[in-house]
Amino acid sequence: MNNLLKNLKTDFPAGIVVFLVAVPLCLGIALASGAPLFSGIIAGIIGGTVVALISGSKIGVSGPAAGLAVIVADSITDLGTNAEGVFDMQTGFALFLSAVVLGGIFQIILAFCKAGIIGYYFPNSVIKGMLSAIGIIIILKQIPHALGHDVIPDGAEAFFQSDGENTFSEIWVSLQDINPAAVIITLISMVILILWEQGFMKKIKLFQLIQGPLVVVVTGILLGNMFLGMDGYNLAQDEMVTIPIASQEGGFLNLFSTPDWSRVFSLEILVIGITIAIVASLETLLCVEATDKLDPDKNVTPTNRELLAQGTGNVISGLIGGLPITQVIVRSSANIQSGGKTKMSAFFHGILILFSVLLIPGVMNMIPLSSLAAILFLVGYKLAKPSVFKEMKAKGRAQFIPFVITIIGIIFTDLLVGIGIGMAVAVFLILRKNLNTPFSFVEKREEGEPTLIELSENVTFLNKASILQTLNLIPDNSKVVLDITKSKYIHPDVIEIINDFEIHAKNTGIELTIKGRFDEDKSNPVAKFRDNVKNGNNDKKSYLNTVFNS
């Protein structure tokens, strides 16, 4: 507790920044999901409070899951459409909430099954590609907001948007609909943020306490009010933050929803719940891995505890009308770059969202989206700095290619699909490298010297093709030494290739010497197989018995 409190001077300002970034994202994701706007706010509050307190992550921040927006939208539509084809959003959303609760329960089960280790199997090149791609997408997605074109705020990272446009075409459309007031606010905000990053400003104690993003928001509110009534400069409602305000009848509690349990054990709800659990867990584990890499203190998040925290958060979020929750890289990176040190910054952000909708929704609705766009421009730039590309290029093609492919994949599809493409490329390069290096090949240097083929420590079935090709290239009437003394494991398929080559060598005048038959280790499948060959027992049944009995 003492450690949490001693970092309040950095955690509280960071929490304010994350709060300012989170509110429009909560609303945008809810809108993209076809759900009530307040459901995104609920998910933000639960992600910032319940999940933050249970999680072992010091700087990760959770909220509504952008990667689930399409799944949420489709699920609400399917569940809310009756046999006559009539759609009722309230019915569909209430049924969907029961699936969110089930998804959270499944995540808790995954936590106790120690499934958190999955995140460690993603290569660094893919994780860094994901971070850079998110940075680029943040910048691209905020350009329309910076220009004052905000008919449909988009909170998801998906390339195709709900208004029929895509990431790039939306920018072109926004260039035809520029609001000078939004541009002025964006430019002034950028100047303030860049000024706050300068070394001389950080030495002034007052500016250490007052964060640049907070100054940007206050400036945006003042400029927005100044432009009111000015022809051609007035900011429209869709260019401002829009927090739902509780009506007099029912008050604040009227904004919450409860699940419909009538079909909770139906196959349809179970499938949606399992889908939410798998996708949300995968997105969380990827963000955990990426956040830990961004963390200047290099803390390591306990992944199984994170799944437990996310599962608990989703159960509570579903029970009170919130969207599914994951750890979110945009908020987490904003938290890190704003100086957050402990989970208190994430907790403060959740409390601030709650207080803002309770106490000052009117003030929050005066914040121009162009002010927030400037804040996110800086966040995006820090994620996708040119130095990151130089660093990855310097590491060689095996690292740079998956890095670039992941970026392209995420930008033109969405987060999970892009990562899947990057992973496929990374695995292909690993397999290709593995296929090319199962052995060393030394050709004869002088007349009469043998060709030396030395197998590596582990030779798998993936090496069959390259070994077979190499053996087939050996000319007739030559000398070959096949050294297997360093091999601790040789796959039976490769053993069969060597055995066939022994027979081929006798028929083509090749003088073959095999060093190291593992004869002293009769438990080794290589030795057992060769004993069978020596004894003339080389039929298929004997071969299979050798492999499977080993």
Protein backbone atom coordinates (compact mmCIF):
# COMPACT_ATOMS: atom_id res chain seq x y z
CA MET A 1 0.00 0.00 0.00
CA ASN A 2 2.85 2.38 0.86
CA ASN A 3 4.32 1.79 -2.60
CA LEU A 4 0.96 2.65 -4.19
CA LEU A 5 0.59 5.86 -2.19
CA LYS A 6 4.14 7.13 -2.69
CA ASN A 7 3.57 7.24 -6.46
CA LEU A 8 0.39 9.32 -6.28
CA LYS A 9 2.16 12.37 -7.70
CA THR A 10 2.71 10.49 -10.97
CA ASP A 11 -0.24 8.08 -10.92
CA PHE A 12 -2.99 10.65 -10.46
CA PRO A 13 -1.97 12.87 -13.42
CA ALA A 14 -1.51 9.73 -15.54
CA GLY A 15 -5.00 8.57 -14.50
CA ILE A 16 -6.43 11.90 -15.69
CA VAL A 17 -4.80 11.49 -19.10
CA VAL A 18 -6.03 7.89 -19.46
CA PHE A 19 -9.52 9.04 -18.39
CA LEU A 20 -9.56 11.71 -21.10
CA VAL A 21 -8.45 9.18 -23.71
CA ALA A 22 -10.81 6.45 -22.45
CA VAL A 23 -14.15 8.28 -22.47
CA PRO A 24 -14.45 8.83 -26.26
CA LEU A 25 -13.07 5.32 -26.87
CA CYS A 26 -15.72 3.80 -24.57
CA LEU A 27 -18.44 5.65 -26.47
CA GLY A 28 -16.96 4.89 -29.88
CA ILE A 29 -16.65 1.16 -29.20
CA ALA A 30 -20.22 1.01 -27.89
CA LEU A 31 -21.43 2.77 -31.03
CA ALA A 32 -19.39 0.46 -33.29
CA SER A 33 -20.81 -2.53 -31.37
CA GLY A 34 -24.42 -1.50 -31.92
CA ALA A 35 -24.94 -1.38 -28.14
CA PRO A 36 -26.30 1.37 -25.85
CA LEU A 37 -23.67 4.10 -25.43
CA PHE A 38 -23.68 3.77 -21.65
CA SER A 39 -22.64 0.09 -21.92
CA GLY A 40 -19.20 1.30 -23.06
CA ILE A 41 -19.00 3.65 -20.06
CA ILE A 42 -19.92 0.78 -17.67
CA ALA A 43 -17.16 -1.40 -19.17
CA GLY A 44 -14.69 1.46 -18.73
CA ILE A 45 -15.64 1.91 -15.08
CA ILE A 46 -15.41 -1.83 -14.29
CA GLY A 47 -12.16 -2.18 -16.24
CA GLY A 48 -10.65 0.74 -14.35
CA THR A 49 -11.79 -0.31 -10.87
CA VAL A 50 -12.58 -4.02 -10.42
CA VAL A 51 -10.10 -5.36 -12.98
CA ALA A 52 -7.36 -2.93 -11.90
CA LEU A 53 -7.64 -3.99 -8.25
CA ILE A 54 -7.52 -7.74 -8.99
CA SER A 55 -4.92 -7.59 -11.80
CA GLY A 56 -1.23 -8.06 -11.14
CA SER A 57 -0.33 -5.56 -13.88
CA LYS A 58 1.11 -2.30 -12.59
CA ILE A 59 0.51 -0.20 -15.68
CA GLY A 60 -2.05 -2.10 -17.79
CA VAL A 61 -5.46 -0.46 -18.24
CA SER A 62 -8.64 -2.33 -19.17
CA GLY A 63 -11.87 -1.27 -20.81
CA PRO A 64 -14.36 -2.24 -23.53
CA ALA A 65 -12.85 -4.56 -26.12
CA ALA A 66 -12.40 -2.98 -29.56
CA GLY A 67 -11.46 -6.36 -31.04
CA LEU A 68 -14.89 -7.73 -30.10
CA ALA A 69 -16.95 -4.93 -31.68
CA VAL A 70 -17.99 -6.97 -34.73
CA ILE A 71 -18.76 -10.07 -32.64
CA VAL A 72 -20.84 -7.97 -30.24
CA ALA A 73 -22.78 -6.28 -33.06
CA ASP A 74 -23.53 -9.58 -34.83
CA SER A 75 -24.51 -11.29 -31.55
CA ILE A 76 -26.96 -8.55 -30.54
CA THR A 77 -28.54 -8.62 -34.00
CA ASP A 78 -28.87 -12.42 -34.08
CA LEU A 79 -30.23 -12.69 -30.53
CA GLY A 80 -32.64 -9.79 -30.98
CA THR A 81 -34.20 -11.00 -34.24
CA ASN A 82 -37.28 -13.19 -33.80
CA ALA A 83 -38.67 -15.90 -36.09
CA GLU A 84 -40.58 -13.28 -38.10
CA GLY A 85 -37.36 -11.35 -38.78
CA VAL A 86 -38.25 -8.42 -36.50
CA PHE A 87 -35.27 -6.99 -34.59
CA ASP A 88 -35.57 -5.64 -31.04
CA MET A 89 -32.29 -4.14 -29.77
CA GLN A 90 -33.26 -4.25 -26.09
CA THR A 91 -34.11 -7.96 -26.25
CA GLY A 92 -30.92 -8.77 -28.17
CA PHE A 93 -28.74 -6.76 -25.79
CA ALA A 94 -30.30 -8.31 -22.65
CA LEU A 95 -29.68 -11.82 -24.01
CA PHE A 96 -26.16 -10.82 -25.04
CA LEU A 97 -25.38 -9.70 -21.47
CA SER A 98 -25.95 -13.27 -20.26
CA ALA A 99 -23.33 -14.41 -22.80
CA VAL A 100 -20.90 -11.79 -21.42
CA VAL A 101 -21.35 -13.24 -17.92
CA LEU A 102 -20.74 -16.76 -19.26
CA GLY A 103 -17.65 -15.51 -21.13
CA GLY A 104 -16.29 -14.13 -17.86
CA ILE A 105 -16.88 -17.47 -16.11
CA PHE A 106 -15.06 -19.29 -18.93
CA GLN A 107 -12.12 -16.86 -18.55
CA ILE A 108 -11.91 -17.62 -14.83
CA ILE A 109 -11.80 -21.33 -15.70
CA LEU A 110 -8.98 -20.62 -18.20
CA ALA A 111 -7.09 -18.82 -15.43
CA PHE A 112 -7.29 -21.85 -13.12
CA CYS A 113 -6.23 -24.06 -16.06
CA LYS A 114 -3.03 -21.91 -16.33
CA ALA A 115 -3.86 -20.83 -19.89
CA GLY A 116 -2.06 -17.51 -19.41
CA ILE A 117 1.16 -19.01 -20.72
CA ILE A 118 -0.21 -18.75 -24.29
CA GLY A 119 0.89 -15.13 -24.55
CA TYR A 120 4.57 -16.06 -24.19
CA TYR A 121 4.52 -17.96 -27.50
CA PHE A 122 4.19 -14.83 -29.63
CA PRO A 123 7.49 -13.62 -31.17
CA ASN A 124 8.83 -10.17 -30.26
CA SER A 125 8.71 -9.13 -33.91
CA VAL A 126 4.93 -9.69 -33.98
CA ILE A 127 4.36 -7.92 -30.64
CA LYS A 128 6.42 -4.90 -31.71
CA GLY A 129 4.60 -4.90 -35.05
CA MET A 130 1.31 -4.83 -33.16
CA LEU A 131 2.43 -1.82 -31.11
CA SER A 132 3.59 0.11 -34.16
CA ALA A 133 0.43 -0.77 -36.08
CA ILE A 134 -1.76 0.44 -33.21
CA GLY A 135 0.26 3.68 -33.17
CA ILE A 136 -0.26 4.21 -36.90
CA ILE A 137 -3.97 3.36 -36.66
CA ILE A 138 -4.44 5.79 -33.76
CA ILE A 139 -3.00 8.58 -35.89
CA LEU A 140 -5.03 7.64 -38.98
CA LYS A 141 -8.29 7.27 -37.05
CA GLN A 142 -7.86 10.63 -35.32
CA ILE A 143 -7.29 12.67 -38.50
CA PRO A 144 -11.06 13.05 -39.19
CA HIS A 145 -11.61 14.19 -35.59
CA ALA A 146 -8.75 16.69 -35.91
CA LEU A 147 -10.36 18.12 -39.07
CA GLY A 148 -13.81 18.36 -37.50
CA HIS A 149 -15.45 15.54 -39.48
CA ASP A 150 -17.05 13.35 -36.82
CA VAL A 151 -20.38 12.09 -38.07
CA ILE A 152 -19.52 8.56 -36.93
CA PRO A 153 -16.84 8.37 -34.20
CA ASP A 154 -15.01 5.08 -34.62
CA GLY A 155 -13.66 3.44 -31.47
CA ALA A 156 -12.45 0.20 -33.06
CA GLU A 157 -9.20 -0.56 -34.85
CA ALA A 158 -10.95 -2.31 -37.75
CA PHE A 159 -10.11 -1.17 -41.28
CA PHE A 160 -13.74 -1.21 -42.48
CA GLN A 161 -16.05 1.11 -40.56
CA SER A 162 -19.72 1.07 -39.75
CA ASP A 163 -20.40 4.06 -42.03
CA GLY A 164 -19.30 2.13 -45.13
CA GLU A 165 -15.91 3.84 -45.31
CA ASN A 166 -12.49 2.48 -44.39
CA THR A 167 -9.58 4.02 -42.52
CA PHE A 168 -8.16 5.80 -45.59
CA SER A 169 -11.37 6.72 -47.40
CA GLU A 170 -12.67 8.32 -44.20
CA ILE A 171 -9.67 10.66 -44.25
CA TRP A 172 -10.47 11.64 -47.85
CA VAL A 173 -14.11 12.29 -46.94
CA SER A 174 -13.04 14.39 -43.95
CA LEU A 175 -10.87 16.57 -46.21
CA GLN A 176 -14.09 17.64 -47.94
CA ASP A 177 -15.67 18.55 -44.59
CA ILE A 178 -13.08 20.60 -42.67
CA ASN A 179 -14.14 22.73 -39.72
CA PRO A 180 -11.55 25.52 -39.20
CA ALA A 181 -12.34 25.63 -35.47
CA ALA A 182 -11.39 21.96 -35.03
CA VAL A 183 -8.15 22.47 -36.98
CA ILE A 184 -7.21 25.49 -34.85
CA ILE A 185 -7.91 23.57 -31.63
CA THR A 186 -5.86 20.60 -32.87
CA LEU A 187 -2.87 22.76 -33.86
CA ILE A 188 -2.86 24.74 -30.59
CA SER A 189 -3.21 21.49 -28.64
CA MET A 190 -0.26 19.94 -30.50
CA VAL A 191 1.89 23.01 -29.75
CA ILE A 192 1.04 22.72 -26.04
CA LEU A 193 1.85 18.99 -25.95
CA ILE A 194 5.15 19.38 -27.82
CA LEU A 195 6.09 22.28 -25.53
CA TRP A 196 5.34 20.15 -22.46
CA GLU A 197 7.73 17.45 -23.78
CA GLN A 198 10.70 19.84 -23.82
CA GLY A 199 13.39 19.45 -21.18
CA PHE A 200 13.24 23.03 -19.88
CA MET A 201 9.49 22.67 -19.18
CA LYS A 202 10.02 19.49 -17.18
CA LYS A 203 12.43 21.32 -14.88
CA ILE A 204 9.71 23.78 -13.77
CA LYS A 205 7.93 22.34 -10.72
CA LEU A 206 4.51 23.78 -11.64
CA PHE A 207 4.56 22.05 -15.02
CA GLN A 208 5.58 18.78 -13.37
CA LEU A 209 2.30 18.88 -11.42
CA ILE A 210 0.06 20.14 -14.25
CA GLN A 211 0.13 17.68 -17.15
CA GLY A 212 0.05 18.85 -20.78
CA PRO A 213 -3.04 16.81 -21.73
CA LEU A 214 -5.05 18.44 -18.95
CA VAL A 215 -4.03 21.88 -20.24
CA VAL A 216 -5.03 20.76 -23.74
CA VAL A 217 -8.52 19.73 -22.59
CA VAL A 218 -9.11 22.98 -20.67
CA THR A 219 -7.84 25.00 -23.65
CA GLY A 220 -10.13 23.02 -25.96
CA ILE A 221 -13.18 23.78 -23.80
CA LEU A 222 -12.32 27.50 -23.72
CA LEU A 223 -11.72 27.68 -27.48
CA GLY A 224 -14.86 25.67 -28.21
CA ASN A 225 -16.94 28.13 -26.21
CA MET A 226 -15.18 31.06 -27.88
CA PHE A 227 -16.15 29.72 -31.31
CA LEU A 228 -19.84 29.39 -30.32
CA GLY A 229 -22.00 31.51 -32.59
CA MET A 230 -19.16 32.23 -35.03
CA ASP A 231 -20.37 31.42 -38.52
CA GLY A 232 -18.34 28.57 -40.03
CA TYR A 233 -16.43 27.96 -36.79
CA ASN A 234 -19.13 26.58 -34.50
CA LEU A 235 -18.40 23.02 -33.35
CA ALA A 236 -21.29 20.64 -33.99
CA GLN A 237 -22.50 18.15 -31.36
CA ASP A 238 -20.89 15.23 -33.18
CA GLU A 239 -17.52 17.00 -32.85
CA MET A 240 -17.74 16.89 -29.04
CA VAL A 241 -17.53 14.20 -26.35
CA THR A 242 -21.05 12.83 -25.78
CA ILE A 243 -21.64 11.24 -22.37
CA PRO A 244 -25.20 9.99 -21.80
CA ILE A 245 -27.02 12.09 -19.19
CA ALA A 246 -29.45 10.38 -16.82
CA SER A 247 -33.05 11.46 -17.34
CA GLN A 248 -35.09 12.74 -14.42
CA GLU A 249 -37.30 9.67 -14.47
CA GLY A 250 -35.33 6.74 -13.05
CA GLY A 251 -32.17 8.83 -12.63
CA PHE A 252 -28.68 7.43 -12.92
CA LEU A 253 -29.68 3.82 -12.24
CA ASN A 254 -31.96 3.91 -15.28
CA LEU A 255 -28.83 3.79 -17.47
CA PHE A 256 -27.93 0.26 -16.30
CA SER A 257 -29.29 -2.99 -17.79
CA THR A 258 -29.62 -6.56 -16.53
CA PRO A 259 -29.20 -9.85 -18.43
CA ASP A 260 -32.05 -11.95 -19.77
CA TRP A 261 -31.38 -15.48 -18.43
CA SER A 262 -34.22 -17.18 -20.34
CA ARG A 263 -31.86 -18.74 -22.92
CA VAL A 264 -28.61 -18.84 -20.94
CA PHE A 265 -28.03 -22.57 -21.53
CA SER A 266 -28.97 -22.52 -25.20
CA LEU A 267 -26.28 -23.52 -27.68
CA GLU A 268 -26.35 -20.05 -29.26
CA ILE A 269 -25.60 -18.24 -25.98
CA LEU A 270 -22.95 -20.81 -24.99
CA VAL A 271 -21.14 -20.39 -28.33
CA ILE A 272 -21.15 -16.58 -27.98
CA GLY A 273 -19.89 -16.87 -24.40
CA ILE A 274 -17.03 -19.18 -25.39
CA THR A 275 -16.16 -16.91 -28.33
CA ILE A 276 -16.03 -13.87 -26.03
CA ALA A 277 -13.81 -15.76 -23.57
CA ILE A 278 -11.33 -16.92 -26.22
CA VAL A 279 -11.08 -13.66 -28.18
CA ALA A 280 -11.02 -11.44 -25.07
CA SER A 281 -8.38 -13.65 -23.41
CA LEU A 282 -6.19 -13.68 -26.50
CA GLU A 283 -6.47 -9.91 -26.96
CA THR A 284 -5.67 -9.40 -23.26
CA LEU A 285 -2.62 -11.69 -23.32
CA LEU A 286 -1.27 -9.94 -26.41
CA CYS A 287 -1.75 -6.54 -24.79
CA VAL A 288 -0.11 -7.77 -21.57
CA GLU A 289 2.94 -8.91 -23.53
CA ALA A 290 3.09 -5.61 -25.42
CA THR A 291 2.54 -3.48 -22.30
CA ASP A 292 5.29 -5.28 -20.40
CA LYS A 293 7.68 -4.47 -23.25
CA LEU A 294 6.73 -0.77 -23.08
CA ASP A 295 7.09 -0.64 -19.30
CA PRO A 296 10.28 1.31 -18.45
CA ASP A 297 10.56 -0.66 -15.17
CA LYS A 298 10.22 -3.98 -17.05
CA ASN A 299 7.66 -5.48 -14.65
CA VAL A 300 6.30 -8.90 -15.65
CA THR A 301 2.52 -9.30 -15.40
CA PRO A 302 1.26 -12.65 -13.99
CA THR A 303 -0.87 -13.75 -16.93
CA ASN A 304 -3.09 -16.27 -15.13
CA ARG A 305 -3.98 -13.65 -12.54
CA GLU A 306 -4.75 -11.27 -15.41
CA LEU A 307 -7.20 -13.78 -16.91
CA LEU A 308 -8.82 -14.11 -13.48
CA ALA A 309 -9.14 -10.31 -13.23
CA GLN A 310 -10.57 -9.98 -16.75
CA GLY A 311 -13.01 -12.85 -16.17
CA THR A 312 -14.25 -11.30 -12.91
CA GLY A 313 -14.60 -7.94 -14.64
CA ASN A 314 -16.63 -9.44 -17.48
CA VAL A 315 -18.97 -11.24 -15.05
CA ILE A 316 -19.70 -7.95 -13.22
CA SER A 317 -19.86 -5.91 -16.45
CA GLY A 318 -22.38 -8.33 -17.96
CA LEU A 319 -24.51 -8.31 -14.80
CA ILE A 320 -24.98 -4.51 -14.85
CA GLY A 321 -25.19 -3.86 -18.59
CA GLY A 322 -21.58 -3.40 -19.75
CA LEU A 323 -19.67 -4.53 -22.84
CA PRO A 324 -16.97 -7.25 -22.70
CA ILE A 325 -13.65 -6.08 -21.25
CA THR A 326 -10.01 -6.68 -22.17
CA GLN A 327 -6.72 -5.01 -21.40
CA VAL A 328 -6.38 -2.20 -23.96
CA ILE A 329 -3.04 -1.19 -25.48
CA VAL A 330 -4.13 2.39 -26.34
CA ARG A 331 -5.00 3.19 -22.72
CA SER A 332 -2.06 1.23 -21.34
CA SER A 333 0.45 3.03 -23.57
CA ALA A 334 -1.12 6.40 -22.71
CA ASN A 335 -0.73 5.45 -19.04
CA ILE A 336 2.95 4.54 -19.46
CA GLN A 337 3.77 7.65 -21.49
CA SER A 338 2.03 9.84 -18.89
CA GLY A 339 4.23 8.49 -16.10
CA GLY A 340 1.92 5.90 -14.46
CA LYS A 341 3.87 3.68 -12.05
CA THR A 342 1.29 1.53 -10.25
CA LYS A 343 -2.23 0.19 -10.73
CA MET A 344 -3.55 3.29 -8.93
CA SER A 345 -3.40 5.26 -12.19
CA ALA A 346 -5.77 2.74 -13.82
CA PHE A 347 -7.98 2.82 -10.72
CA PHE A 348 -8.11 6.64 -10.75
CA HIS A 349 -9.15 6.57 -14.42
CA GLY A 350 -12.08 4.28 -13.58
CA ILE A 351 -13.18 6.44 -10.65
CA LEU A 352 -12.93 9.58 -12.79
CA ILE A 353 -15.18 8.02 -15.46
CA LEU A 354 -17.74 7.21 -12.74
CA PHE A 355 -17.63 10.70 -11.23
CA SER A 356 -17.80 12.37 -14.64
CA VAL A 357 -21.07 10.65 -15.58
CA LEU A 358 -22.48 11.20 -12.09
CA LEU A 359 -21.46 14.78 -11.41
CA ILE A 360 -20.25 16.65 -14.49
CA PRO A 361 -21.61 15.07 -17.69
CA GLY A 362 -22.39 18.56 -19.00
CA VAL A 363 -18.78 19.72 -18.58
CA MET A 364 -17.46 16.51 -20.19
CA ASN A 365 -19.72 17.11 -23.17
CA MET A 366 -17.97 20.44 -23.75
CA ILE A 367 -14.64 18.75 -24.62
CA PRO A 368 -13.91 18.91 -28.39
CA LEU A 369 -12.85 15.60 -29.96
CA SER A 370 -10.14 17.58 -31.77
CA SER A 371 -8.43 18.21 -28.39
CA LEU A 372 -8.41 14.49 -27.67
CA ALA A 373 -7.18 13.80 -31.21
CA ALA A 374 -4.06 15.87 -30.48
CA ILE A 375 -3.38 13.82 -27.31
CA LEU A 376 -3.78 10.58 -29.26
CA PHE A 377 -1.52 11.83 -32.07
CA LEU A 378 1.31 12.01 -29.55
CA VAL A 379 0.45 8.57 -28.12
CA GLY A 380 0.43 7.08 -31.63
CA TYR A 381 3.73 8.69 -32.57
CA LYS A 382 5.46 7.29 -29.48
CA LEU A 383 4.23 3.79 -30.35
CA ALA A 384 5.37 3.99 -33.98
CA LYS A 385 8.56 6.04 -33.80
CA PRO A 386 10.90 5.79 -36.83
CA SER A 387 13.59 4.51 -34.43
CA VAL A 388 11.52 1.36 -33.86
CA PHE A 389 11.58 0.59 -37.60
CA LYS A 390 15.36 1.19 -37.73
CA GLU A 391 15.88 -1.09 -34.74
CA MET A 392 13.85 -3.93 -36.27
CA LYS A 393 15.55 -3.58 -39.65
CA ALA A 394 18.95 -3.82 -37.98
CA LYS A 395 17.95 -7.19 -36.49
CA GLY A 396 17.72 -8.79 -39.92
CA ARG A 397 15.06 -10.05 -42.30
CA ALA A 398 13.82 -12.80 -39.97
CA GLN A 399 12.71 -10.09 -37.51
CA PHE A 400 11.88 -7.24 -39.90
CA ILE A 401 9.60 -9.15 -42.29
CA PRO A 402 7.12 -10.42 -39.63
CA PHE A 403 7.25 -6.96 -38.02
CA VAL A 404 6.21 -5.21 -41.26
CA ILE A 405 3.68 -7.89 -42.26
CA THR A 406 2.01 -7.62 -38.84
CA ILE A 407 1.72 -3.84 -39.23
CA ILE A 408 0.21 -4.11 -42.71
CA GLY A 409 -2.13 -6.93 -41.63
CA ILE A 410 -3.49 -5.04 -38.62
CA ILE A 411 -3.95 -1.77 -40.54
CA PHE A 412 -5.89 -3.41 -43.37
CA THR A 413 -7.92 -5.92 -41.30
CA ASP A 414 -8.14 -5.74 -37.52
CA LEU A 415 -6.04 -6.54 -34.46
CA LEU A 416 -6.48 -10.30 -34.17
CA VAL A 417 -6.49 -11.07 -37.91
CA GLY A 418 -3.36 -8.95 -38.42
CA ILE A 419 -1.56 -10.69 -35.57
CA GLY A 420 -2.59 -14.05 -37.03
CA ILE A 421 -1.05 -13.07 -40.39
CA GLY A 422 2.12 -11.87 -38.67
CA MET A 423 2.35 -15.10 -36.65
CA ALA A 424 1.92 -17.21 -39.79
CA VAL A 425 4.80 -15.36 -41.50
CA ALA A 426 7.00 -15.62 -38.39
CA VAL A 427 6.36 -19.37 -38.06
CA PHE A 428 7.01 -19.87 -41.79
CA LEU A 429 10.40 -18.14 -41.48
CA ILE A 430 11.24 -20.23 -38.42
CA LEU A 431 10.33 -23.44 -40.25
CA ARG A 432 12.26 -22.31 -43.31
CA LYS A 433 15.31 -21.64 -41.17
CA ASN A 434 14.85 -24.99 -39.47
CA LEU A 435 14.60 -26.76 -42.81
CA ASN A 436 17.84 -25.16 -43.98
CA THR A 437 19.92 -25.97 -40.92
CA PRO A 438 19.33 -29.59 -39.84
CA PHE A 439 22.94 -30.46 -40.68
CA SER A 440 26.29 -29.10 -41.80
CA PHE A 441 27.59 -30.13 -45.20
CA VAL A 442 31.32 -30.13 -45.96
CA GLU A 443 32.31 -31.19 -49.47
CA LYS A 444 35.62 -32.97 -50.03
CA ARG A 445 38.47 -30.51 -50.13
CA GLU A 446 41.08 -32.77 -51.78
CA GLU A 447 40.91 -35.78 -54.04
CA GLY A 448 40.13 -38.87 -52.01
CA GLU A 449 38.68 -37.02 -49.02
CA PRO A 450 35.08 -37.90 -48.14
CA THR A 451 32.11 -35.55 -48.08
CA LEU A 452 31.11 -34.91 -44.46
CA ILE A 453 27.46 -34.56 -43.43
CA GLU A 454 26.99 -33.80 -39.73
CA LEU A 455 23.45 -33.92 -38.36
CA SER A 456 22.41 -31.40 -35.73
CA GLU A 457 21.30 -32.10 -32.16
CA ASN A 458 17.60 -32.47 -32.98
CA VAL A 459 16.45 -33.61 -36.40
CA THR A 460 12.66 -33.57 -36.89
CA PHE A 461 10.33 -34.65 -39.67
CA LEU A 462 10.45 -31.04 -40.92
CA ASN A 463 14.02 -31.73 -42.02
CA LYS A 464 13.10 -34.65 -44.28
CA ALA A 465 13.02 -32.65 -47.51
CA SER A 466 16.40 -30.93 -47.16
CA ILE A 467 18.19 -34.10 -46.00
CA LEU A 468 16.68 -36.17 -48.80
CA GLN A 469 17.61 -33.54 -51.40
CA THR A 470 21.18 -33.38 -50.12
CA LEU A 471 21.62 -37.16 -50.15
CA ASN A 472 20.20 -37.38 -53.68
CA LEU A 473 22.82 -34.89 -54.92
CA ILE A 474 25.74 -37.07 -53.84
CA PRO A 475 27.40 -38.47 -56.99
CA ASP A 476 27.97 -42.18 -57.60
CA ASN A 477 31.27 -43.80 -56.55
CA SER A 478 32.02 -41.14 -53.95
CA LYS A 479 32.89 -41.29 -50.25
CA VAL A 480 30.48 -39.97 -47.64
CA VAL A 481 30.73 -39.74 -43.86
CA LEU A 482 27.38 -39.26 -42.09
CA ASP A 483 28.11 -38.07 -38.54
CA ILE A 484 25.21 -38.52 -36.09
CA THR A 485 27.26 -38.49 -32.89
CA LYS A 486 25.87 -35.07 -31.82
CA SER A 487 22.26 -36.03 -32.47
CA LYS A 488 20.17 -36.57 -29.35
CA TYR A 489 17.00 -37.10 -31.33
CA ILE A 490 16.40 -38.15 -34.93
CA HIS A 491 12.84 -38.50 -36.13
CA PRO A 492 11.95 -42.02 -37.39
CA ASP A 493 11.10 -40.59 -40.85
CA VAL A 494 14.68 -39.31 -41.14
CA ILE A 495 16.04 -42.66 -39.90
CA GLU A 496 14.11 -44.36 -42.70
CA ILE A 497 15.66 -41.97 -45.24
CA ILE A 498 19.15 -42.82 -43.93
CA ASN A 499 18.36 -46.52 -44.09
CA ASP A 500 17.13 -46.20 -47.69
CA PHE A 501 20.28 -44.25 -48.56
CA GLU A 502 22.43 -47.09 -47.15
CA ILE A 503 20.76 -49.46 -49.60
CA HIS A 504 21.07 -46.92 -52.43
CA ALA A 505 24.78 -46.41 -51.63
CA LYS A 506 25.53 -50.09 -52.08
CA ASN A 507 23.92 -50.05 -55.52
CA THR A 508 25.68 -46.90 -56.75
CA GLY A 509 29.21 -47.45 -55.49
CA ILE A 510 28.97 -44.85 -52.74
CA GLU A 511 31.23 -45.63 -49.81
CA LEU A 512 29.09 -44.65 -46.81
CA THR A 513 30.43 -44.44 -43.26
CA ILE A 514 28.04 -43.66 -40.43
CA LYS A 515 29.66 -42.35 -37.27
CA GLY A 516 27.70 -42.94 -34.09
CA ARG A 517 25.01 -45.60 -34.15
CA PHE A 518 23.92 -45.20 -30.52
CA ASP A 519 24.63 -48.89 -30.08
CA GLU A 520 25.53 -48.32 -26.44
CA ASP A 521 22.06 -46.90 -25.74
CA LYS A 522 19.61 -49.67 -26.56
CA SER A 523 16.65 -47.51 -25.36
CA ASN A 524 17.26 -45.03 -28.18
CA PRO A 525 14.90 -45.49 -31.15
CA VAL A 526 17.85 -44.99 -33.52
CA ALA A 527 19.70 -47.89 -31.93
CA LYS A 528 16.62 -50.13 -31.86
CA PHE A 529 15.86 -49.46 -35.50
CA ARG A 530 19.44 -50.09 -36.57
CA ASP A 531 19.54 -53.32 -34.57
CA ASN A 532 16.52 -54.47 -36.54
CA VAL A 533 18.25 -53.47 -39.79
CA LYS A 534 21.42 -55.37 -38.79
CA ASN A 535 19.38 -58.47 -38.03
CA GLY A 536 17.69 -58.26 -41.41
CA ASN A 537 14.33 -57.47 -39.82
CA ASN A 538 13.50 -54.41 -41.87
CA ASP A 539 9.81 -54.81 -42.63
CA LYS A 540 7.19 -52.14 -42.07
CA LYS A 541 5.70 -53.83 -39.01
CA SER A 542 9.08 -53.94 -37.29
CA TYR A 543 9.66 -50.28 -38.09
CA LEU A 544 6.34 -49.20 -36.63
CA ASN A 545 6.92 -51.31 -33.51
CA THR A 546 10.30 -49.67 -33.07
CA VAL A 547 8.83 -46.18 -33.26
CA PHE A 548 5.73 -46.62 -31.15
CA ASN A 549 7.27 -48.84 -28.48
CA SER A 550 9.91 -46.17 -27.95
